[in-house]
Amino acid sequence: MPKSKPPRRRRRRHLTNQERGLVDFFDRLERITDRAEREAEALADRVPPEELAAMRATCAENRRIFAEARAEMMAPSRTPVLDRLVSEMRQKERAAKA
């Protein structure tokens, strides 16, 4: 008899409009951070070293936050049954209104 395998976590194949909007938002924030870092590096000879170090640390922290948020958003749901039940309930509500 074959061993039973635990159920696999399903990965979402398509992003919802809200998720796509958030990915675009994180991309814009990343571009803004890149531009700020480039501008700070261009002025490195006129900026005090402690201020330049603070700017570099801020940019690195921003990138870490954006990467964590993006990864959390793209991760499979930890509550797939609840998600499915809620989506079914919302579909029923939309059908009742129509």
Protein backbone atom coordinates (compact mmCIF):
# COMPACT_ATOMS: atom_id res chain seq x y z
CA MET A 1 0.00 0.00 0.00
CA PRO A 2 1.44 3.44 -0.88
CA LYS A 3 2.23 5.84 1.88
CA SER A 4 -0.15 8.73 2.08
CA LYS A 5 1.32 12.11 1.34
CA PRO A 6 0.39 15.27 3.18
CA PRO A 7 -1.70 17.68 1.13
CA ARG A 8 0.38 20.13 -0.87
CA ARG A 9 -0.03 23.80 -0.39
CA ARG A 10 -1.58 25.25 -3.47
CA ARG A 11 0.18 28.24 -4.91
CA ARG A 12 -1.84 30.98 -6.42
CA ARG A 13 -1.39 31.06 -10.17
CA HIS A 14 -2.80 34.50 -10.84
CA LEU A 15 -2.54 37.71 -8.90
CA THR A 16 -5.73 39.48 -8.01
CA ASN A 17 -6.13 43.13 -8.97
CA GLN A 18 -5.41 44.16 -5.39
CA GLU A 19 -2.24 42.07 -5.29
CA ARG A 20 -1.12 43.41 -8.67
CA GLY A 21 -1.65 46.94 -7.34
CA LEU A 22 0.43 46.18 -4.28
CA VAL A 23 3.24 44.72 -6.39
CA ASP A 24 3.21 47.89 -8.51
CA PHE A 25 3.25 49.97 -5.33
CA PHE A 26 6.28 48.09 -3.98
CA ASP A 27 8.01 48.48 -7.35
CA ARG A 28 7.45 52.24 -7.25
CA LEU A 29 8.79 52.42 -3.70
CA GLU A 30 11.85 50.43 -4.79
CA ARG A 31 12.49 52.85 -7.67
CA ILE A 32 12.15 55.84 -5.33
CA THR A 33 14.62 54.24 -2.91
CA ASP A 34 17.07 53.55 -5.76
CA ARG A 35 16.84 57.13 -6.96
CA ALA A 36 17.36 58.52 -3.45
CA GLU A 37 20.39 56.29 -2.96
CA ARG A 38 21.91 57.31 -6.31
CA GLU A 39 21.39 60.98 -5.51
CA ALA A 40 22.98 60.55 -2.08
CA GLU A 41 25.98 58.73 -3.60
CA ALA A 42 26.38 61.48 -6.20
CA LEU A 43 26.61 64.04 -3.39
CA ALA A 44 28.79 61.86 -1.15
CA ASP A 45 31.73 64.26 -1.29
CA ARG A 46 29.59 67.17 0.02
CA VAL A 47 27.58 65.29 2.67
CA PRO A 48 28.88 64.53 6.18
CA PRO A 49 29.85 60.82 6.54
CA GLU A 50 27.39 60.15 9.37
CA GLU A 51 24.53 61.54 7.29
CA LEU A 52 25.57 59.42 4.29
CA ALA A 53 25.76 56.33 6.53
CA ALA A 54 22.26 57.08 7.87
CA MET A 55 20.93 57.39 4.31
CA ARG A 56 22.52 54.08 3.28
CA ALA A 57 21.08 52.37 6.36
CA THR A 58 17.63 53.80 5.64
CA CYS A 59 17.74 52.59 2.03
CA ALA A 60 18.83 49.11 3.12
CA GLU A 61 16.07 48.97 5.74
CA ASN A 62 13.49 50.08 3.15
CA ARG A 63 14.59 47.36 0.74
CA ARG A 64 14.35 44.74 3.50
CA ILE A 65 10.82 45.88 4.42
CA PHE A 66 9.69 45.88 0.77
CA ALA A 67 11.14 42.40 0.16
CA GLU A 68 9.47 40.98 3.29
CA ALA A 69 6.10 42.50 2.41
CA ARG A 70 6.31 41.26 -1.19
CA ALA A 71 7.28 37.74 -0.05
CA GLU A 72 4.46 37.63 2.51
CA MET A 73 1.96 38.75 -0.09
CA MET A 74 3.09 36.12 -2.61
CA ALA A 75 3.24 33.25 -0.08
CA PRO A 76 0.51 30.62 -0.15
CA SER A 77 -2.33 31.26 2.24
CA ARG A 78 -2.00 29.82 5.72
CA THR A 79 -5.79 29.47 5.98
CA PRO A 80 -6.92 28.05 2.61
CA VAL A 81 -10.19 26.55 3.89
CA LEU A 82 -11.26 29.80 5.52
CA ASP A 83 -10.29 31.73 2.37
CA ARG A 84 -12.37 29.42 0.19
CA LEU A 85 -15.41 29.66 2.51
CA VAL A 86 -15.20 33.44 2.64
CA SER A 87 -14.91 33.72 -1.15
CA GLU A 88 -17.91 31.40 -1.59
CA MET A 89 -19.91 33.49 0.91
CA ARG A 90 -19.02 36.69 -0.98
CA GLN A 91 -20.04 35.11 -4.29
CA LYS A 92 -23.41 34.13 -2.82
CA GLU A 93 -23.91 37.67 -1.51
CA ARG A 94 -23.09 39.13 -4.95
CA ALA A 95 -25.48 36.69 -6.63
CA ALA A 96 -28.26 37.58 -4.17
CA LYS A 97 -27.80 41.32 -4.90
CA ALA A 98 -27.89 40.82 -8.68
